[in-house]
Structure formats: structure tokens, C-alpha cells
PDB file of N, CA and C in Angstrom:
ATOM      1  N   UNK A   1       0.917  -0.808   0.037  1.00  0.00           N
ATOM      2  CA  UNK A   1       0.229   0.044  -0.216  1.00  0.00           C
ATOM      3  C   UNK A   1       0.828   1.173   0.120  1.00  0.00           C
ATOM      4  N   UNK A   2       0.471   2.312  -0.855  1.00  0.00           N
ATOM      5  CA  UNK A   2       1.230   3.696  -0.471  1.00  0.00           C
ATOM      6  C   UNK A   2       0.373   4.680  -0.116  1.00  0.00           C
ATOM      7  N   UNK A   3       0.703   5.426   1.031  1.00  0.00           N
ATOM      8  CA  UNK A   3       0.074   6.111   2.037  1.00  0.00           C
ATOM      9  C   UNK A   3       0.319   7.182   1.242  1.00  0.00           C
ATOM     10  N   UNK A   4      -0.941   7.997   1.685  1.00  0.00           N
ATOM     11  CA  UNK A   4      -1.243   9.351   0.910  1.00  0.00           C
ATOM     12  C   UNK A   4      -0.687  10.223   1.988  1.00  0.00           C
ATOM     13  N   UNK A   5      -0.796  11.576   1.040  1.00  0.00           N
ATOM     14  CA  UNK A   5       0.074  12.424   2.486  1.00  0.00           C
ATOM     15  C   UNK A   5      -1.639  13.505   2.858  1.00  0.00           C
ATOM     16  N   UNK A   6      -1.845  13.354   4.333  1.00  0.00           N
ATOM     17  CA  UNK A   6      -2.509  13.239   4.843  1.00  0.00           C
ATOM     18  C   UNK A   6      -3.739  12.476   5.401  1.00  0.00           C
ATOM     19  N   UNK A   7      -3.372  11.000   5.310  1.00  0.00           N
ATOM     20  CA  UNK A   7      -3.793   9.798   5.770  1.00  0.00           C
ATOM     21  C   UNK A   7      -3.267   9.921   7.621  1.00  0.00           C
ATOM     22  N   UNK A   8      -4.040   9.069   7.901  1.00  0.00           N
ATOM     23  CA  UNK A   8      -3.474   8.416   9.226  1.00  0.00           C
ATOM     24  C   UNK A   8      -3.770   7.035   9.368  1.00  0.00           C
ATOM     25  N   UNK A   9      -2.667   6.634  10.119  1.00  0.00           N
ATOM     26  CA  UNK A   9      -2.766   5.081  10.112  1.00  0.00           C
ATOM     27  C   UNK A   9      -1.763   4.789  11.804  1.00  0.00           C
ATOM     28  N   UNK A  10      -2.275   3.692  11.805  1.00  0.00           N
ATOM     29  CA  UNK A  10      -1.419   3.224  13.796  1.00  0.00           C
ATOM     30  C   UNK A  10      -0.023   2.971  13.195  1.00  0.00           C
ATOM     31  N   UNK A  11       0.595   3.169  14.275  1.00  0.00           N
ATOM     32  CA  UNK A  11       2.263   2.532  13.553  1.00  0.00           C
ATOM     33  C   UNK A  11       2.210   1.399  14.834  1.00  0.00           C
ATOM     34  N   UNK A  12       2.978   0.648  14.130  1.00  0.00           N
ATOM     35  CA  UNK A  12       3.037  -0.333  15.474  1.00  0.00           C
ATOM     36  C   UNK A  12       4.343  -0.200  16.782  1.00  0.00           C
ATOM     37  N   UNK A  13       3.642  -1.382  17.510  1.00  0.00           N
ATOM     38  CA  UNK A  13       4.175  -1.286  18.907  1.00  0.00           C
ATOM     39  C   UNK A  13       5.651  -1.101  18.829  1.00  0.00           C
ATOM     40  N   UNK A  14       6.082  -1.952  18.336  1.00  0.00           N
ATOM     41  CA  UNK A  14       7.282  -2.255  18.640  1.00  0.00           C
ATOM     42  C   UNK A  14       8.149  -1.087  17.706  1.00  0.00           C
ATOM     43  N   UNK A  15       7.626   0.011  17.239  1.00  0.00           N
ATOM     44  CA  UNK A  15       8.288   0.818  17.053  1.00  0.00           C
ATOM     45  C   UNK A  15       8.771   2.043  17.605  1.00  0.00           C
ATOM     46  N   UNK A  16       7.666   2.182  18.480  1.00  0.00           N
ATOM     47  CA  UNK A  16       7.292   3.626  19.593  1.00  0.00           C
ATOM     48  C   UNK A  16       7.106   2.890  20.947  1.00  0.00           C
ATOM     49  N   UNK A  17       7.347   2.121  21.297  1.00  0.00           N
ATOM     50  CA  UNK A  17       6.573   0.919  22.552  1.00  0.00           C
ATOM     51  C   UNK A  17       5.408   1.162  22.775  1.00  0.00           C
ATOM     52  N   UNK A  18       4.142   1.894  22.120  1.00  0.00           N
ATOM     53  CA  UNK A  18       2.938   1.233  22.186  1.00  0.00           C
ATOM     54  C   UNK A  18       2.414   2.157  20.955  1.00  0.00           C
ATOM     55  N   UNK A  19       1.461   1.090  20.492  1.00  0.00           N
ATOM     56  CA  UNK A  19       0.797   1.922  19.261  1.00  0.00           C
ATOM     57  C   UNK A  19       0.689   3.514  19.242  1.00  0.00           C
ATOM     58  N   UNK A  20       0.689   3.836  17.869  1.00  0.00           N
ATOM     59  CA  UNK A  20       0.217   5.464  18.363  1.00  0.00           C
ATOM     60  C   UNK A  20      -0.188   5.539  16.642  1.00  0.00           C
ATOM     61  N   UNK A  21      -0.655   6.624  16.406  1.00  0.00           N
ATOM     62  CA  UNK A  21      -1.339   7.171  15.184  1.00  0.00           C
ATOM     63  C   UNK A  21      -0.439   8.006  14.833  1.00  0.00           C
ATOM     64  N   UNK A  22       0.061   8.295  13.687  1.00  0.00           N
ATOM     65  CA  UNK A  22       0.241   9.183  12.640  1.00  0.00           C
ATOM     66  C   UNK A  22      -0.112   9.923  11.553  1.00  0.00           C
ATOM     67  N   UNK A  23       0.080  10.871  10.732  1.00  0.00           N
ATOM     68  CA  UNK A  23      -0.245  11.719  10.158  1.00  0.00           C
ATOM     69  C   UNK A  23       0.697  11.434   9.197  1.00  0.00           C
ATOM     70  N   UNK A  24       0.273  11.256   7.736  1.00  0.00           N
ATOM     71  CA  UNK A  24       1.270  11.409   6.414  1.00  0.00           C
ATOM     72  C   UNK A  24       1.565  12.757   6.131  1.00  0.00           C
ATOM     73  N   UNK A  25       3.154  13.168   6.067  1.00  0.00           N
ATOM     74  CA  UNK A  25       3.072  14.742   5.656  1.00  0.00           C
ATOM     75  C   UNK A  25       3.867  14.832   4.904  1.00  0.00           C
ATOM     76  N   UNK A  26       4.773  13.605   4.089  1.00  0.00           N
ATOM     77  CA  UNK A  26       5.539  14.206   3.140  1.00  0.00           C
ATOM     78  C   UNK A  26       4.767  14.011   1.697  1.00  0.00           C
ATOM     79  N   UNK A  27       5.179  14.480   0.986  1.00  0.00           N
ATOM     80  CA  UNK A  27       4.526  14.583  -0.510  1.00  0.00           C
ATOM     81  C   UNK A  27       4.551  13.348  -1.304  1.00  0.00           C
ATOM     82  N   UNK A  28       3.153  13.356  -1.919  1.00  0.00           N
ATOM     83  CA  UNK A  28       2.928  12.106  -2.186  1.00  0.00           C
ATOM     84  C   UNK A  28       3.817  11.596  -3.513  1.00  0.00           C
ATOM     85  N   UNK A  29       4.273  12.234  -4.203  1.00  0.00           N
ATOM     86  CA  UNK A  29       5.716  11.292  -5.089  1.00  0.00           C
ATOM     87  C   UNK A  29       6.633  10.410  -3.897  1.00  0.00           C
ATOM     88  N   UNK A  30       7.010  11.560  -2.959  1.00  0.00           N
ATOM     89  CA  UNK A  30       8.067  10.519  -1.966  1.00  0.00           C
ATOM     90  C   UNK A  30       7.475   8.963  -1.641  1.00  0.00           C
ATOM     91  N   UNK A  31       5.830   9.231  -1.503  1.00  0.00           N
ATOM     92  CA  UNK A  31       5.373   8.287  -0.472  1.00  0.00           C
ATOM     93  C   UNK A  31       5.965   7.021  -1.046  1.00  0.00           C
ATOM     94  N   UNK A  32       5.766   6.776  -2.784  1.00  0.00           N
ATOM     95  CA  UNK A  32       6.337   5.287  -2.979  1.00  0.00           C
ATOM     96  C   UNK A  32       7.274   4.447  -2.749  1.00  0.00           C
ATOM     97  N   UNK A  33       8.414   5.286  -2.113  1.00  0.00           N
ATOM     98  CA  UNK A  33       9.802   4.329  -1.522  1.00  0.00           C
ATOM     99  C   UNK A  33       9.248   3.434  -0.271  1.00  0.00           C
ATOM    100  N   UNK A  34      10.288   3.461   0.479  1.00  0.00           N
ATOM    101  CA  UNK A  34      10.318   2.362   1.701  1.00  0.00           C
ATOM    102  C   UNK A  34       9.818   3.156   2.487  1.00  0.00           C
ATOM    103  N   UNK A  35       9.710   5.001   3.103  1.00  0.00           N
ATOM    104  CA  UNK A  35       9.878   5.352   4.331  1.00  0.00           C
ATOM    105  C   UNK A  35       8.926   6.234   3.532  1.00  0.00           C
ATOM    106  N   UNK A  36       7.880   7.010   4.190  1.00  0.00           N
ATOM    107  CA  UNK A  36       7.590   8.116   4.611  1.00  0.00           C
ATOM    108  C   UNK A  36       7.912   9.097   5.915  1.00  0.00           C
ATOM    109  N   UNK A  37       7.579  10.503   5.805  1.00  0.00           N
ATOM    110  CA  UNK A  37       7.491  11.259   6.682  1.00  0.00           C
ATOM    111  C   UNK A  37       6.121  11.619   7.343  1.00  0.00           C
ATOM    112  N   UNK A  38       6.192  11.439   8.701  1.00  0.00           N
ATOM    113  CA  UNK A  38       5.270  11.663   9.389  1.00  0.00           C
ATOM    114  C   UNK A  38       5.098  12.306  11.039  1.00  0.00           C
ATOM    115  N   UNK A  39       3.759  12.744  11.532  1.00  0.00           N
ATOM    116  CA  UNK A  39       3.847  12.866  13.001  1.00  0.00           C
ATOM    117  C   UNK A  39       2.897  12.518  13.463  1.00  0.00           C
ATOM    118  N   UNK A  40       3.406  12.099  14.966  1.00  0.00           N
ATOM    119  CA  UNK A  40       2.843  11.192  15.887  1.00  0.00           C
ATOM    120  C   UNK A  40       1.632  11.890  16.716  1.00  0.00           C
ATOM    121  N   UNK A  41       0.914  11.355  17.021  1.00  0.00           N
ATOM    122  CA  UNK A  41      -0.380  12.034  18.101  1.00  0.00           C
ATOM    123  C   UNK A  41       0.097  11.237  19.802  1.00  0.00           C
ATOM    124  N   UNK A  42      -0.558  12.470  20.160  1.00  0.00           N
ATOM    125  CA  UNK A  42      -0.783  12.067  21.591  1.00  0.00           C
ATOM    126  C   UNK A  42      -1.373  12.576  21.938  1.00  0.00           C
ATOM    127  N   UNK A  43      -2.260  11.777  23.165  1.00  0.00           N
ATOM    128  CA  UNK A  43      -3.461  12.309  24.044  1.00  0.00           C
ATOM    129  C   UNK A  43      -3.448  12.204  25.371  1.00  0.00           C
ATOM    130  N   UNK A  44      -2.145  12.271  25.902  1.00  0.00           N
ATOM    131  CA  UNK A  44      -1.822  12.756  27.692  1.00  0.00           C
ATOM    132  C   UNK A  44      -1.245  14.349  27.437  1.00  0.00           C
ATOM    133  N   UNK A  45      -1.513  14.980  28.723  1.00  0.00           N
ATOM    134  CA  UNK A  45      -1.339  16.441  28.538  1.00  0.00           C
ATOM    135  C   UNK A  45      -1.749  17.392  27.694  1.00  0.00           C
ATOM    136  N   UNK A  46      -2.929  16.876  27.168  1.00  0.00           N
ATOM    137  CA  UNK A  46      -3.438  17.798  25.935  1.00  0.00           C
ATOM    138  C   UNK A  46      -3.336  19.584  26.566  1.00  0.00           C
ATOM    139  N   UNK A  47      -3.806  19.836  27.663  1.00  0.00           N
ATOM    140  CA  UNK A  47      -4.105  20.876  28.305  1.00  0.00           C
ATOM    141  C   UNK A  47      -2.585  21.765  28.059  1.00  0.00           C
ATOM    142  N   UNK A  48      -1.440  21.362  28.649  1.00  0.00           N
ATOM    143  CA  UNK A  48      -0.172  22.101  28.473  1.00  0.00           C
ATOM    144  C   UNK A  48       0.600  21.361  26.693  1.00  0.00           C
ATOM    145  N   UNK A  49      -0.071  20.455  26.356  1.00  0.00           N
ATOM    146  CA  UNK A  49       0.641  20.551  24.812  1.00  0.00           C
ATOM    147  C   UNK A  49      -0.012  21.079  24.106  1.00  0.00           C
ATOM    148  N   UNK A  50      -1.251  21.555  23.807  1.00  0.00           N
ATOM    149  CA  UNK A  50      -2.168  22.529  22.719  1.00  0.00           C
ATOM    150  C   UNK A  50      -1.780  23.854  23.226  1.00  0.00           C
ATOM    151  N   UNK A  51      -1.020  24.463  24.092  1.00  0.00           N
ATOM    152  CA  UNK A  51      -0.473  25.506  23.702  1.00  0.00           C
ATOM    153  C   UNK A  51       0.609  26.123  23.617  1.00  0.00           C
ATOM    154  N   UNK A  52       1.200  24.812  23.232  1.00  0.00           N
ATOM    155  CA  UNK A  52       2.362  25.227  22.588  1.00  0.00           C
ATOM    156  C   UNK A  52       2.245  24.980  21.268  1.00  0.00           C
ATOM    157  N   UNK A  53       3.487  25.925  20.212  1.00  0.00           N
ATOM    158  CA  UNK A  53       3.264  26.344  18.868  1.00  0.00           C
ATOM    159  C   UNK A  53       3.545  25.094  18.310  1.00  0.00           C
ATOM    160  N   UNK A  54       4.524  24.342  18.550  1.00  0.00           N
ATOM    161  CA  UNK A  54       4.516  22.889  17.630  1.00  0.00           C
ATOM    162  C   UNK A  54       3.598  21.747  17.564  1.00  0.00           C
ATOM    163  N   UNK A  55       2.529  21.942  18.546  1.00  0.00           N
ATOM    164  CA  UNK A  55       1.536  20.684  18.825  1.00  0.00           C
ATOM    165  C   UNK A  55       0.276  21.535  18.067  1.00  0.00           C
ATOM    166  N   UNK A  56      -0.402  20.297  17.939  1.00  0.00           N
ATOM    167  CA  UNK A  56      -1.847  21.141  16.962  1.00  0.00           C
ATOM    168  C   UNK A  56      -2.954  20.203  17.573  1.00  0.00           C
ATOM    169  N   UNK A  57      -3.692  20.650  18.263  1.00  0.00           N
ATOM    170  CA  UNK A  57      -4.696  19.997  18.851  1.00  0.00           C
ATOM    171  C   UNK A  57      -5.939  19.683  17.901  1.00  0.00           C
ATOM    172  N   UNK A  58      -6.573  18.434  17.917  1.00  0.00           N
ATOM    173  CA  UNK A  58      -7.396  18.186  17.428  1.00  0.00           C
ATOM    174  C   UNK A  58      -8.219  17.307  17.888  1.00  0.00           C
ATOM    175  N   UNK A  59      -9.903  17.313  17.848  1.00  0.00           N
ATOM    176  CA  UNK A  59     -10.811  17.022  18.575  1.00  0.00           C
ATOM    177  C   UNK A  59     -11.490  15.788  18.047  1.00  0.00           C
ATOM    178  N   UNK A  60     -11.962  15.145  18.819  1.00  0.00           N
ATOM    179  CA  UNK A  60     -12.696  13.794  18.867  1.00  0.00           C
ATOM    180  C   UNK A  60     -13.128  13.779  17.152  1.00  0.00           C
ATOM    181  N   UNK A  61     -12.661  12.875  16.085  1.00  0.00           N
ATOM    182  CA  UNK A  61     -13.813  12.482  15.466  1.00  0.00           C
ATOM    183  C   UNK A  61     -13.454  13.436  13.921  1.00  0.00           C
ATOM    184  N   UNK A  62     -12.123  14.539  14.117  1.00  0.00           N
ATOM    185  CA  UNK A  62     -11.308  14.772  13.545  1.00  0.00           C
ATOM    186  C   UNK A  62     -10.248  13.920  12.701  1.00  0.00           C
ATOM    187  N   UNK A  63     -10.470  14.073  11.424  1.00  0.00           N
ATOM    188  CA  UNK A  63      -9.669  12.831  10.380  1.00  0.00           C
ATOM    189  C   UNK A  63      -9.659  10.981  10.988  1.00  0.00           C
ATOM    190  N   UNK A  64     -10.966  11.240  11.721  1.00  0.00           N
ATOM    191  CA  UNK A  64     -10.992   9.786  12.076  1.00  0.00           C
ATOM    192  C   UNK A  64     -10.596   9.387  13.557  1.00  0.00           C
ATOM    193  N   UNK A  65     -10.136  10.273  14.128  1.00  0.00           N
ATOM    194  CA  UNK A  65      -9.282  10.213  15.241  1.00  0.00           C
ATOM    195  C   UNK A  65     -10.715   9.510  15.772  1.00  0.00           C
ATOM    196  N   UNK A  66     -10.162   9.114  17.572  1.00  0.00           N
ATOM    197  CA  UNK A  66     -11.248   8.175  18.760  1.00  0.00           C
ATOM    198  C   UNK A  66     -11.364   8.953  19.224  1.00  0.00           C
ATOM    199  N   UNK A  67     -10.205   9.879  19.878  1.00  0.00           N
ATOM    200  CA  UNK A  67     -10.263  10.302  21.457  1.00  0.00           C
ATOM    201  C   UNK A  67      -9.688  12.172  20.565  1.00  0.00           C
ATOM    202  N   UNK A  68      -9.886  13.331  21.667  1.00  0.00           N
ATOM    203  CA  UNK A  68      -8.989  14.798  21.324  1.00  0.00           C
ATOM    204  C   UNK A  68      -7.237  13.938  21.840  1.00  0.00           C
ATOM    205  N   UNK A  69      -6.889  14.609  20.901  1.00  0.00           N
ATOM    206  CA  UNK A  69      -5.101  13.941  20.963  1.00  0.00           C
ATOM    207  C   UNK A  69      -4.373  15.540  20.329  1.00  0.00           C
ATOM    208  N   UNK A  70      -2.889  15.384  20.270  1.00  0.00           N
ATOM    209  CA  UNK A  70      -1.928  16.286  19.799  1.00  0.00           C
ATOM    210  C   UNK A  70      -1.047  16.130  18.557  1.00  0.00           C
ATOM    211  N   UNK A  71      -0.930  16.474  17.337  1.00  0.00           N
ATOM    212  CA  UNK A  71      -0.287  16.192  16.828  1.00  0.00           C
ATOM    213  C   UNK A  71       1.356  16.708  17.328  1.00  0.00           C
ATOM    214  N   UNK A  72       2.462  16.259  17.551  1.00  0.00           N
ATOM    215  CA  UNK A  72       3.451  16.534  18.155  1.00  0.00           C
ATOM    216  C   UNK A  72       4.301  17.079  16.748  1.00  0.00           C
ATOM    217  N   UNK A  73       4.183  18.170  16.377  1.00  0.00           N
ATOM    218  CA  UNK A  73       5.080  18.653  14.924  1.00  0.00           C
ATOM    219  C   UNK A  73       6.525  18.495  15.055  1.00  0.00           C
ATOM    220  N   UNK A  74       6.794  18.433  16.179  1.00  0.00           N
ATOM    221  CA  UNK A  74       8.590  18.734  16.357  1.00  0.00           C
ATOM    222  C   UNK A  74       8.936  17.585  16.392  1.00  0.00           C
ATOM    223  N   UNK A  75       8.466  16.147  16.264  1.00  0.00           N
ATOM    224  CA  UNK A  75       8.598  14.854  16.522  1.00  0.00           C
ATOM    225  C   UNK A  75       8.374  14.133  14.970  1.00  0.00           C
ATOM    226  N   UNK A  76       8.259  15.208  13.928  1.00  0.00           N
ATOM    227  CA  UNK A  76       8.276  14.865  12.743  1.00  0.00           C
ATOM    228  C   UNK A  76       9.829  13.526  12.153  1.00  0.00           C
ATOM    229  N   UNK A  77       8.952  12.581  11.713  1.00  0.00           N
ATOM    230  CA  UNK A  77       9.882  11.639  11.619  1.00  0.00           C
ATOM    231  C   UNK A  77       9.705  10.821  10.214  1.00  0.00           C
ATOM    232  N   UNK A  78      11.233  10.476   9.708  1.00  0.00           N
ATOM    233  CA  UNK A  78      11.110   9.548   8.896  1.00  0.00           C
ATOM    234  C   UNK A  78      10.875   7.992   9.178  1.00  0.00           C
ATOM    235  N   UNK A  79       9.579   7.231   8.717  1.00  0.00           N
ATOM    236  CA  UNK A  79       8.969   6.077   9.357  1.00  0.00           C
ATOM    237  C   UNK A  79       9.063   5.516   8.047  1.00  0.00           C
ATOM    238  N   UNK A  80       9.745   3.980   8.588  1.00  0.00           N
ATOM    239  CA  UNK A  80       9.790   3.145   7.642  1.00  0.00           C
ATOM    240  C   UNK A  80       8.620   2.280   7.599  1.00  0.00           C
ATOM    241  N   UNK A  81       8.237   1.928   6.207  1.00  0.00           N
ATOM    242  CA  UNK A  81       6.483   1.770   5.926  1.00  0.00           C
ATOM    243  C   UNK A  81       6.190   0.123   6.582  1.00  0.00           C
ATOM    244  N   UNK A  82       7.475  -0.673   7.079  1.00  0.00           N
ATOM    245  CA  UNK A  82       7.181  -2.057   7.357  1.00  0.00           C
ATOM    246  C   UNK A  82       6.382  -1.729   8.611  1.00  0.00           C
ATOM    247  N   UNK A  83       6.732  -0.555   9.582  1.00  0.00           N
ATOM    248  CA  UNK A  83       6.761  -0.334  10.610  1.00  0.00           C
ATOM    249  C   UNK A  83       5.117   0.554  10.438  1.00  0.00           C
ATOM    250  N   UNK A  84       4.443   0.623   9.813  1.00  0.00           N
ATOM    251  CA  UNK A  84       3.077   1.230   9.610  1.00  0.00           C
ATOM    252  C   UNK A  84       2.199  -0.180   9.514  1.00  0.00           C
ATOM    253  N   UNK A  85       0.818  -0.405  10.446  1.00  0.00           N
ATOM    254  CA  UNK A  85       0.411  -1.154  11.134  1.00  0.00           C
ATOM    255  C   UNK A  85      -0.950  -1.036   9.763  1.00  0.00           C
ATOM    256  N   UNK A  86      -0.895  -1.368   8.493  1.00  0.00           N
ATOM    257  CA  UNK A  86      -1.508  -1.427   7.731  1.00  0.00           C
ATOM    258  C   UNK A  86      -2.699  -2.404   7.774  1.00  0.00           C
ATOM    259  N   UNK A  87      -2.783  -3.643   8.554  1.00  0.00           N
ATOM    260  CA  UNK A  87      -3.610  -4.423   8.754  1.00  0.00           C
ATOM    261  C   UNK A  87      -4.895  -3.758   9.299  1.00  0.00           C
ATOM    262  N   UNK A  88      -4.300  -2.604  10.386  1.00  0.00           N
ATOM    263  CA  UNK A  88      -5.822  -2.107  11.011  1.00  0.00           C
ATOM    264  C   UNK A  88      -6.238  -0.824  10.194  1.00  0.00           C
ATOM    265  N   UNK A  89      -5.962  -0.983   9.192  1.00  0.00           N
ATOM    266  CA  UNK A  89      -6.617  -0.213   8.198  1.00  0.00           C
ATOM    267  C   UNK A  89      -6.644   1.409   8.242  1.00  0.00           C
ATOM    268  N   UNK A  90      -6.958   2.353   7.279  1.00  0.00           N
ATOM    269  CA  UNK A  90      -6.969   3.824   7.439  1.00  0.00           C
ATOM    270  C   UNK A  90      -7.812   4.265   8.553  1.00  0.00           C
ATOM    271  N   UNK A  91      -6.988   4.919   9.565  1.00  0.00           N
ATOM    272  CA  UNK A  91      -7.659   5.551  10.600  1.00  0.00           C
ATOM    273  C   UNK A  91      -9.134   6.738  10.209  1.00  0.00           C
ATOM    274  N   UNK A  92      -7.972   7.724   9.273  1.00  0.00           N
ATOM    275  CA  UNK A  92      -8.989   8.587   8.492  1.00  0.00           C
ATOM    276  C   UNK A  92      -8.513   9.518   7.337  1.00  0.00           C
ATOM    277  N   UNK A  93      -9.084  10.583   7.145  1.00  0.00           N
ATOM    278  CA  UNK A  93      -7.601  11.778   6.788  1.00  0.00           C
ATOM    279  C   UNK A  93      -8.166  12.958   7.080  1.00  0.00           C
ATOM    280  N   UNK A  94      -7.394  13.851   6.585  1.00  0.00           N
ATOM    281  CA  UNK A  94      -7.638  15.059   6.900  1.00  0.00           C
ATOM    282  C   UNK A  94      -7.658  15.802   5.840  1.00  0.00           C
ATOM    283  N   UNK A  95      -8.501  16.932   5.944  1.00  0.00           N
ATOM    284  CA  UNK A  95      -8.675  17.685   4.269  1.00  0.00           C
ATOM    285  C   UNK A  95      -7.525  18.723   4.407  1.00  0.00           C
ATOM    286  N   UNK A  96      -7.621  19.617   3.627  1.00  0.00           N
ATOM    287  CA  UNK A  96      -6.365  20.335   3.723  1.00  0.00           C
ATOM    288  C   UNK A  96      -6.177  21.474   4.636  1.00  0.00           C
ATOM    289  N   UNK A  97      -7.511  22.266   5.495  1.00  0.00           N
ATOM    290  CA  UNK A  97      -7.001  22.869   6.108  1.00  0.00           C
ATOM    291  C   UNK A  97      -6.664  22.113   7.435  1.00  0.00           C
ATOM    292  N   UNK A  98      -6.775  21.092   7.736  1.00  0.00           N
ATOM    293  CA  UNK A  98      -6.135  20.357   9.044  1.00  0.00           C
ATOM    294  C   UNK A  98      -4.893  20.113   9.054  1.00  0.00           C
ATOM    295  N   UNK A  99      -4.606  20.041   7.692  1.00  0.00           N
ATOM    296  CA  UNK A  99      -2.691  19.650   7.014  1.00  0.00           C
ATOM    297  C   UNK A  99      -2.326  20.894   7.334  1.00  0.00           C
ATOM    298  N   UNK A 100      -3.150  21.792   6.742  1.00  0.00           N
ATOM    299  CA  UNK A 100      -2.328  23.441   6.821  1.00  0.00           C
ATOM    300  C   UNK A 100      -1.920  23.615   8.014  1.00  0.00           C
ATOM    301  N   UNK A 101      -2.888  22.935   9.060  1.00  0.00           N
ATOM    302  CA  UNK A 101      -2.646  23.543  10.634  1.00  0.00           C
ATOM    303  C   UNK A 101      -1.302  22.420  11.189  1.00  0.00           C
ATOM    304  N   UNK A 102      -1.092  21.421  10.759  1.00  0.00           N
ATOM    305  CA  UNK A 102       0.076  20.452  10.862  1.00  0.00           C
ATOM    306  C   UNK A 102       1.229  20.868  10.538  1.00  0.00           C
ATOM    307  N   UNK A 103       1.072  21.208   8.967  1.00  0.00           N
ATOM    308  CA  UNK A 103       2.673  22.474   8.141  1.00  0.00           C
ATOM    309  C   UNK A 103       2.680  23.745   8.827  1.00  0.00           C
ATOM    310  N   UNK A 104       1.913  24.252   9.140  1.00  0.00           N
ATOM    311  CA  UNK A 104       2.148  25.597   9.879  1.00  0.00           C
ATOM    312  C   UNK A 104       3.045  25.024  11.262  1.00  0.00           C
ATOM    313  N   UNK A 105       2.876  24.175  12.308  1.00  0.00           N
ATOM    314  CA  UNK A 105       3.323  23.970  13.539  1.00  0.00           C
ATOM    315  C   UNK A 105       4.889  23.323  13.061  1.00  0.00           C
ATOM    316  N   UNK A 106       4.565  22.210  11.916  1.00  0.00           N
ATOM    317  CA  UNK A 106       5.977  22.047  11.136  1.00  0.00           C
ATOM    318  C   UNK A 106       6.980  22.780  10.951  1.00  0.00           C
ATOM    319  N   UNK A 107       6.474  24.273  10.547  1.00  0.00           N
ATOM    320  CA  UNK A 107       7.398  25.027   9.895  1.00  0.00           C
ATOM    321  C   UNK A 107       8.126  26.134  11.251  1.00  0.00           C
ATOM    322  N   UNK A 108       7.193  26.038  12.404  1.00  0.00           N
ATOM    323  CA  UNK A 108       7.529  26.950  13.338  1.00  0.00           C
ATOM    324  C   UNK A 108       8.250  25.826  14.070  1.00  0.00           C
ATOM    325  N   UNK A 109       8.279  24.421  13.860  1.00  0.00           N
ATOM    326  CA  UNK A 109       9.330  23.517  14.692  1.00  0.00           C
ATOM    327  C   UNK A 109      10.617  23.621  14.213  1.00  0.00           C
ATOM    328  N   UNK A 110      10.709  23.846  12.589  1.00  0.00           N
ATOM    329  CA  UNK A 110      11.869  23.765  11.748  1.00  0.00           C
ATOM    330  C   UNK A 110      12.274  25.415  11.542  1.00  0.00           C
ATOM    331  N   UNK A 111      11.472  26.710  12.088  1.00  0.00           N
ATOM    332  CA  UNK A 111      12.170  27.621  12.077  1.00  0.00           C
ATOM    333  C   UNK A 111      12.238  28.528  10.644  1.00  0.00           C
ATOM    334  N   UNK A 112      11.016  27.973   9.755  1.00  0.00           N
ATOM    335  CA  UNK A 112      10.841  28.234   8.492  1.00  0.00           C
ATOM    336  C   UNK A 112       9.588  29.223   8.386  1.00  0.00           C
ATOM    337  N   UNK A 113       9.145  29.802   9.220  1.00  0.00           N
ATOM    338  CA  UNK A 113       7.926  30.713   9.125  1.00  0.00           C
ATOM    339  C   UNK A 113       8.421  31.841   8.065  1.00  0.00           C
TER     340      UNK A 113
END
């Protein structure tokens, strides 16, 4: 399977210590290889993290998320596609507005504003 920008998937537990949702942020042209760029989601410390410029708060049901959580954009990572749990299926997909919020936080994280 070739993941697409804006799609949300589960990352296998052996990669991060526990299963975690990620959003694919790399350009679709690059997603045909062995790796993708992704941002992880966290559901703990929401109040603190949602106030940080490098985190983006998403409400339950946005993009298929089961609960409120933050995209922690300072943790953008190169993820090997074998570490994505495609057997669990697609969690959901972000629209352009939701992706722009993530991209803005990535830009802040790398001082590209």
C-alpha cells in the first residue's frame, strides 16, 4: 500500500513502545519508496501541549480520531513503511485545512516561518 499525504495510520507497537497514530506529511511523490515522513499523535497532557506552537490540537472525530489528541510536530520522523500497521486499516484522512495546521506547526518547529 502507498500511503498518501494527510492519511492517518497506526504505527506498530515495536517502533514506539506502544501503538500510536501518525499522519503522513510527505509529498505523495515521495511516498512510493520504503519510507514516509510522519507526525505522531499523543493523547496525554493535552492542556499543556495544546498551548505549544509545535503541537496541534485535534478534537475527537477529526480525521477519524477516536479521542482528542495533539499532533506533536516537533517529532516529525522518517518512518519505514514496514512499521505502519496497514492491517488495522486507514484511521482517516485530514482535509487541506487540517493539514495546513500541521504544516504550520512543522514550519514553526524548523523555524521556516
